[in-house]
C-alpha atoms as a PDB file:
ATOM      1  CA  MET A   1      -0.007  -0.009   0.009  1.00  0.00           C
ATOM      2  CA  SER A   2       1.528   3.327  -1.065  1.00  0.00           C
ATOM      3  CA  LEU A   3       2.300   5.848   1.647  1.00  0.00           C
ATOM      4  CA  SER A   4       1.124   8.607  -0.721  1.00  0.00           C
ATOM      5  CA  MET A   5      -2.465   7.292  -0.825  1.00  0.00           C
ATOM      6  CA  ASP A   6      -5.113   9.396   0.955  1.00  0.00           C
ATOM      7  CA  LYS A   7      -7.481   8.030   3.539  1.00  0.00           C
ATOM      8  CA  ARG A   8     -10.303   7.542   1.141  1.00  0.00           C
ATOM      9  CA  SER A   9      -8.175   5.485  -1.302  1.00  0.00           C
ATOM     10  CA  ILE A  10      -6.742   3.327   1.539  1.00  0.00           C
ATOM     11  CA  ARG A  11     -10.183   2.790   2.972  1.00  0.00           C
ATOM     12  CA  ALA A  12     -11.617   1.746  -0.356  1.00  0.00           C
ATOM     13  CA  ALA A  13      -8.778  -0.657  -1.179  1.00  0.00           C
ATOM     14  CA  LEU A  14      -8.730  -2.382   2.199  1.00  0.00           C
ATOM     15  CA  LEU A  15     -12.549  -2.608   2.423  1.00  0.00           C
ATOM     16  CA  GLN A  16     -12.569  -4.260  -0.983  1.00  0.00           C
ATOM     17  CA  GLN A  17      -9.912  -6.703   0.158  1.00  0.00           C
ATOM     18  CA  ARG A  18     -11.760  -7.481   3.395  1.00  0.00           C
ATOM     19  CA  LEU A  19     -15.055  -7.964   1.607  1.00  0.00           C
ATOM     20  CA  ALA A  20     -13.384 -10.481  -0.692  1.00  0.00           C
ATOM     21  CA  LEU A  21     -12.588 -12.826   2.162  1.00  0.00           C
ATOM     22  CA  THR A  22     -14.589 -16.042   2.131  1.00  0.00           C
ATOM     23  CA  ALA A  23     -16.652 -17.192   5.127  1.00  0.00           C
ATOM     24  CA  THR A  24     -13.998 -19.809   5.840  1.00  0.00           C
ATOM     25  CA  GLN A  25     -11.219 -17.240   5.824  1.00  0.00           C
ATOM     26  CA  THR A  26     -13.092 -14.836   8.120  1.00  0.00           C
ATOM     27  CA  SER A  27     -13.879 -17.675  10.503  1.00  0.00           C
ATOM     28  CA  LEU A  28     -10.362 -19.131  10.669  1.00  0.00           C
ATOM     29  CA  LEU A  29      -8.456 -15.838  10.728  1.00  0.00           C
ATOM     30  CA  GLY A  30     -10.923 -14.190  13.065  1.00  0.00           C
ATOM     31  CA  HIS A  31     -10.805 -17.072  15.536  1.00  0.00           C
ATOM     32  CA  ALA A  32      -7.023 -16.938  15.548  1.00  0.00           C
ATOM     33  CA  ALA A  33      -7.061 -13.184  16.238  1.00  0.00           C
ATOM     34  CA  GLN A  34      -9.595 -13.595  19.046  1.00  0.00           C
ATOM     35  CA  VAL A  35      -7.468 -16.305  20.662  1.00  0.00           C
ATOM     36  CA  ARG A  36      -4.574 -13.854  20.722  1.00  0.00           C
ATOM     37  CA  VAL A  37      -6.767 -11.305  22.529  1.00  0.00           C
ATOM     38  CA  LEU A  38      -7.800 -13.919  25.091  1.00  0.00           C
ATOM     39  CA  GLU A  39      -4.109 -14.393  25.866  1.00  0.00           C
ATOM     40  CA  LEU A  40      -3.548 -10.710  26.667  1.00  0.00           C
ATOM     41  CA  SER A  41      -3.073  -9.946  30.311  1.00  0.00           C
ATOM     42  CA  TYR A  42      -5.020  -6.721  29.713  1.00  0.00           C
ATOM     43  CA  PHE A  43      -8.080  -8.735  28.699  1.00  0.00           C
ATOM     44  CA  ARG A  44      -7.705 -11.252  31.574  1.00  0.00           C
ATOM     45  CA  LYS A  45      -7.370  -8.500  34.182  1.00  0.00           C
ATOM     46  CA  ALA A  46     -10.164  -6.260  32.865  1.00  0.00           C
ATOM     47  CA  THR A  47     -13.418  -6.091  34.781  1.00  0.00           C
ATOM     48  CA  THR A  48     -15.366  -4.104  32.147  1.00  0.00           C
ATOM     49  CA  VAL A  49     -14.846  -5.035  28.515  1.00  0.00           C
ATOM     50  CA  ALA A  50     -16.243  -3.053  25.513  1.00  0.00           C
ATOM     51  CA  LEU A  51     -16.503  -4.902  22.220  1.00  0.00           C
ATOM     52  CA  TYR A  52     -17.950  -4.068  18.789  1.00  0.00           C
ATOM     53  CA  SER A  53     -20.424  -6.044  16.665  1.00  0.00           C
ATOM     54  CA  ALA A  54     -18.651  -7.189  13.489  1.00  0.00           C
ATOM     55  CA  VAL A  55     -20.081  -6.144  10.105  1.00  0.00           C
ATOM     56  CA  ARG A  56     -18.833  -6.383   6.537  1.00  0.00           C
ATOM     57  CA  ASN A  57     -16.299  -9.175   7.259  1.00  0.00           C
ATOM     58  CA  GLU A  58     -14.720  -7.475  10.273  1.00  0.00           C
ATOM     59  CA  VAL A  59     -12.991  -9.731  12.762  1.00  0.00           C
ATOM     60  CA  ASP A  60     -15.809 -11.268  14.802  1.00  0.00           C
ATOM     61  CA  THR A  61     -15.928 -10.722  18.586  1.00  0.00           C
ATOM     62  CA  THR A  62     -18.316 -13.526  19.591  1.00  0.00           C
ATOM     63  CA  LEU A  63     -15.652 -15.713  21.194  1.00  0.00           C
ATOM     64  CA  LEU A  64     -14.420 -12.731  23.237  1.00  0.00           C
ATOM     65  CA  ALA A  65     -17.971 -11.788  24.344  1.00  0.00           C
ATOM     66  CA  GLU A  66     -18.658 -15.333  25.425  1.00  0.00           C
ATOM     67  CA  ALA A  67     -15.320 -15.536  27.334  1.00  0.00           C
ATOM     68  CA  ALA A  68     -15.911 -12.222  29.036  1.00  0.00           C
ATOM     69  CA  LEU A  69     -19.408 -13.245  30.183  1.00  0.00           C
ATOM     70  CA  ALA A  70     -18.198 -16.664  31.320  1.00  0.00           C
ATOM     71  CA  ALA A  71     -15.441 -14.992  33.384  1.00  0.00           C
ATOM     72  CA  GLY A  72     -17.950 -12.717  35.090  1.00  0.00           C
ATOM     73  CA  LYS A  73     -16.717  -9.539  33.444  1.00  0.00           C
ATOM     74  CA  SER A  74     -19.081  -6.664  32.705  1.00  0.00           C
ATOM     75  CA  LEU A  75     -19.631  -6.528  28.950  1.00  0.00           C
ATOM     76  CA  CYS A  76     -20.799  -3.592  26.933  1.00  0.00           C
ATOM     77  CA  PHE A  77     -21.392  -2.716  23.244  1.00  0.00           C
ATOM     78  CA  PRO A  78     -21.754   0.628  21.491  1.00  0.00           C
ATOM     79  CA  CYS A  79     -24.979   2.129  20.349  1.00  0.00           C
ATOM     80  CA  VAL A  80     -25.027   5.101  17.932  1.00  0.00           C
ATOM     81  CA  ASN A  81     -27.517   7.870  18.392  1.00  0.00           C
ATOM     82  CA  GLY A  82     -27.179  10.794  15.957  1.00  0.00           C
ATOM     83  CA  GLU A  83     -23.522  11.782  15.948  1.00  0.00           C
ATOM     84  CA  GLU A  84     -22.769  10.243  19.389  1.00  0.00           C
ATOM     85  CA  MET A  85     -21.841   6.769  20.499  1.00  0.00           C
ATOM     86  CA  HIS A  86     -22.644   5.410  23.949  1.00  0.00           C
ATOM     87  CA  PHE A  87     -21.923   2.024  25.540  1.00  0.00           C
ATOM     88  CA  TYR A  88     -24.619  -0.060  27.232  1.00  0.00           C
ATOM     89  CA  PRO A  89     -24.356  -3.240  29.295  1.00  0.00           C
ATOM     90  CA  VAL A  90     -25.057  -6.622  27.667  1.00  0.00           C
ATOM     91  CA  ASN A  91     -25.714  -9.849  29.572  1.00  0.00           C
ATOM     92  CA  SER A  92     -26.214 -11.972  26.471  1.00  0.00           C
ATOM     93  CA  LEU A  93     -25.451 -11.579  22.786  1.00  0.00           C
ATOM     94  CA  ASP A  94     -29.129 -12.258  22.177  1.00  0.00           C
ATOM     95  CA  GLU A  95     -29.822  -8.734  23.495  1.00  0.00           C
ATOM     96  CA  LEU A  96     -28.164  -7.156  20.408  1.00  0.00           C
ATOM     97  CA  GLN A  97     -30.453  -6.013  17.623  1.00  0.00           C
ATOM     98  CA  GLU A  98     -29.733  -4.489  14.253  1.00  0.00           C
ATOM     99  CA  GLY A  99     -29.394  -0.774  14.591  1.00  0.00           C
ATOM    100  CA  CYS A 100     -27.572   2.131  13.024  1.00  0.00           C
ATOM    101  CA  PHE A 101     -25.661   1.298   9.765  1.00  0.00           C
ATOM    102  CA  GLY A 102     -26.834  -2.338  10.021  1.00  0.00           C
ATOM    103  CA  VAL A 103     -24.658  -2.937  13.141  1.00  0.00           C
ATOM    104  CA  CYS A 104     -26.038  -5.010  15.961  1.00  0.00           C
ATOM    105  CA  GLU A 105     -26.407  -2.823  19.014  1.00  0.00           C
ATOM    106  CA  PRO A 106     -27.773  -3.124  22.542  1.00  0.00           C
ATOM    107  CA  GLN A 107     -31.026  -1.356  23.230  1.00  0.00           C
ATOM    108  CA  PRO A 108     -30.283   1.995  25.033  1.00  0.00           C
ATOM    109  CA  ALA A 109     -30.784   1.509  28.742  1.00  0.00           C
ATOM    110  CA  GLU A 110     -31.070   3.922  31.626  1.00  0.00           C
ATOM    111  CA  MET A 111     -27.678   2.732  32.851  1.00  0.00           C
ATOM    112  CA  GLU A 112     -25.123   3.780  30.247  1.00  0.00           C
ATOM    113  CA  VAL A 113     -21.607   2.446  30.891  1.00  0.00           C
ATOM    114  CA  ALA A 114     -19.381   5.459  31.619  1.00  0.00           C
ATOM    115  CA  ALA A 115     -16.174   5.670  29.652  1.00  0.00           C
ATOM    116  CA  ALA A 116     -14.073   5.708  32.787  1.00  0.00           C
ATOM    117  CA  GLN A 117     -15.549   2.288  33.824  1.00  0.00           C
ATOM    118  CA  ILE A 118     -14.234   0.559  30.731  1.00  0.00           C
ATOM    119  CA  ASP A 119     -10.887  -1.150  31.316  1.00  0.00           C
ATOM    120  CA  PHE A 120     -10.502  -2.792  27.901  1.00  0.00           C
ATOM    121  CA  MET A 121     -11.936  -1.684  24.531  1.00  0.00           C
ATOM    122  CA  LEU A 122     -11.670  -3.431  21.214  1.00  0.00           C
ATOM    123  CA  VAL A 123     -11.613  -0.804  18.555  1.00  0.00           C
ATOM    124  CA  PRO A 124     -12.596  -1.792  14.976  1.00  0.00           C
ATOM    125  CA  GLY A 125     -10.927  -0.285  11.984  1.00  0.00           C
ATOM    126  CA  VAL A 126     -10.498  -0.503   8.223  1.00  0.00           C
ATOM    127  CA  ALA A 127      -6.717  -0.109   8.562  1.00  0.00           C
ATOM    128  CA  PHE A 128      -4.107   0.391  11.279  1.00  0.00           C
ATOM    129  CA  ASP A 129      -0.485   1.310  11.100  1.00  0.00           C
ATOM    130  CA  LEU A 130       2.591   0.234  13.063  1.00  0.00           C
ATOM    131  CA  SER A 131       2.515   3.419  15.131  1.00  0.00           C
ATOM    132  CA  GLY A 132      -1.021   2.728  16.362  1.00  0.00           C
ATOM    133  CA  HIS A 133      -2.925   5.017  14.069  1.00  0.00           C
ATOM    134  CA  ARG A 134      -6.367   3.813  13.032  1.00  0.00           C
ATOM    135  CA  LEU A 135      -8.502   4.376   9.953  1.00  0.00           C
ATOM    136  CA  GLY A 136     -12.212   3.813  10.472  1.00  0.00           C
ATOM    137  CA  TYR A 137     -15.182   4.218   8.213  1.00  0.00           C
ATOM    138  CA  GLY A 138     -14.829   7.979   8.291  1.00  0.00           C
ATOM    139  CA  ARG A 139     -17.727   8.988  10.590  1.00  0.00           C
ATOM    140  CA  GLY A 140     -15.468   9.489  13.690  1.00  0.00           C
ATOM    141  CA  PHE A 141     -17.646   7.775  16.313  1.00  0.00           C
ATOM    142  CA  PHE A 142     -14.812   5.967  18.042  1.00  0.00           C
ATOM    143  CA  ASP A 143     -12.398   8.928  17.699  1.00  0.00           C
ATOM    144  CA  ARG A 144     -14.928  11.249  19.356  1.00  0.00           C
ATOM    145  CA  PHE A 145     -15.704   8.754  22.137  1.00  0.00           C
ATOM    146  CA  LEU A 146     -12.060   8.095  22.933  1.00  0.00           C
ATOM    147  CA  GLU A 147     -11.076  11.738  22.750  1.00  0.00           C
ATOM    148  CA  GLY A 148     -13.768  13.310  24.885  1.00  0.00           C
ATOM    149  CA  ALA A 149     -15.376  10.801  27.214  1.00  0.00           C
ATOM    150  CA  GLY A 150     -12.781  10.245  29.934  1.00  0.00           C
ATOM    151  CA  PHE A 151     -11.700   6.867  28.661  1.00  0.00           C
ATOM    152  CA  TYR A 152      -8.507   5.657  30.310  1.00  0.00           C
ATOM    153  CA  GLY A 153      -8.605   1.887  29.600  1.00  0.00           C
ATOM    154  CA  GLN A 154      -6.630  -0.194  27.132  1.00  0.00           C
ATOM    155  CA  ARG A 155      -7.395   0.551  23.448  1.00  0.00           C
ATOM    156  CA  VAL A 156      -6.888  -2.505  21.367  1.00  0.00           C
ATOM    157  CA  GLY A 157      -7.239  -2.625  17.637  1.00  0.00           C
ATOM    158  CA  LEU A 158      -8.452  -5.898  16.192  1.00  0.00           C
ATOM    159  CA  ALA A 159      -7.896  -6.631  12.493  1.00  0.00           C
ATOM    160  CA  TYR A 160      -6.653  -9.057   9.873  1.00  0.00           C
ATOM    161  CA  ASP A 161      -2.972  -8.838   9.285  1.00  0.00           C
ATOM    162  CA  PHE A 162      -3.404  -7.423   5.752  1.00  0.00           C
ATOM    163  CA  GLN A 163      -5.120  -4.430   7.320  1.00  0.00           C
ATOM    164  CA  VAL A 164      -1.887  -3.346   8.942  1.00  0.00           C
ATOM    165  CA  VAL A 165       0.136  -0.913   6.870  1.00  0.00           C
ATOM    166  CA  GLU A 166       3.488   0.790   7.570  1.00  0.00           C
ATOM    167  CA  ARG A 167       2.016   4.288   7.974  1.00  0.00           C
ATOM    168  CA  LEU A 168      -1.416   5.903   7.648  1.00  0.00           C
ATOM    169  CA  PRO A 169      -2.068   9.590   6.998  1.00  0.00           C
ATOM    170  CA  ALA A 170      -3.135  10.917  10.429  1.00  0.00           C
ATOM    171  CA  GLU A 171      -4.868  14.013  11.623  1.00  0.00           C
ATOM    172  CA  GLU A 172      -4.763  15.645  15.038  1.00  0.00           C
ATOM    173  CA  HIS A 173      -8.202  14.332  16.059  1.00  0.00           C
ATOM    174  CA  ASP A 174      -7.413  10.688  15.155  1.00  0.00           C
ATOM    175  CA  GLN A 175      -7.196   8.500  18.221  1.00  0.00           C
ATOM    176  CA  MET A 176      -4.546   5.806  18.418  1.00  0.00           C
ATOM    177  CA  VAL A 177      -4.616   2.282  19.802  1.00  0.00           C
ATOM    178  CA  ASP A 178      -2.307   0.983  22.546  1.00  0.00           C
ATOM    179  CA  LEU A 179      -2.049  -2.485  21.005  1.00  0.00           C
ATOM    180  CA  LEU A 180      -2.941  -4.049  17.669  1.00  0.00           C
ATOM    181  CA  VAL A 181      -3.912  -7.709  17.444  1.00  0.00           C
ATOM    182  CA  THR A 182      -4.155  -9.747  14.268  1.00  0.00           C
ATOM    183  CA  GLU A 183      -4.293 -13.446  13.533  1.00  0.00           C
ATOM    184  CA  ALA A 184      -0.524 -13.403  12.996  1.00  0.00           C
ATOM    185  CA  ARG A 185       0.868 -11.052  15.672  1.00  0.00           C
ATOM    186  CA  ILE A 186       0.472  -8.625  18.510  1.00  0.00           C
ATOM    187  CA  ILE A 187       1.892  -5.167  17.751  1.00  0.00           C
ATOM    188  CA  THR A 188       2.866  -2.747  20.454  1.00  0.00           C
ATOM    189  CA  PRO A 189       3.231   0.696  18.852  1.00  0.00           C
ATOM    190  CA  PRO A 190       6.269   2.761  19.963  1.00  0.00           C
END
């Protein structure tokens, strides 16, 4: 992937590559990436875990959700309302329903999970770089949440290894990840 490409071009190329994965590839590669997350001490020590619902061949998070619930961790998922994203508790994946942008979300509850309560958050992305920069879908929901909501937990990007590039074009408002996990490796940005 050329370093001179802009965000839009990188996003289009990597989305096309991700969408071309077969169901078998997404299952095998996604399972391997999730197993790497399960091995992280950050995940094991976390009491409140925030995950995303996979869409468009993203790395699935079902194994992680089931493991978190089985370990007695508090689990939450994002819900988009307008231009804001909030996290709500989930006691079962059956509670998730298709919501904004076709993404499965929890139903908004009175008890929102505060950003400061979340110890460990999996952050989706279209691309990541070796420095921890992330390229999302372009709407900025995760960037705004991580920037302004008092989140102090571990930010972990989850992706297929082909989604990792040497360097992404970054802007001041782009939020970085602390770790990046793929089916092939765990990357700790400098």
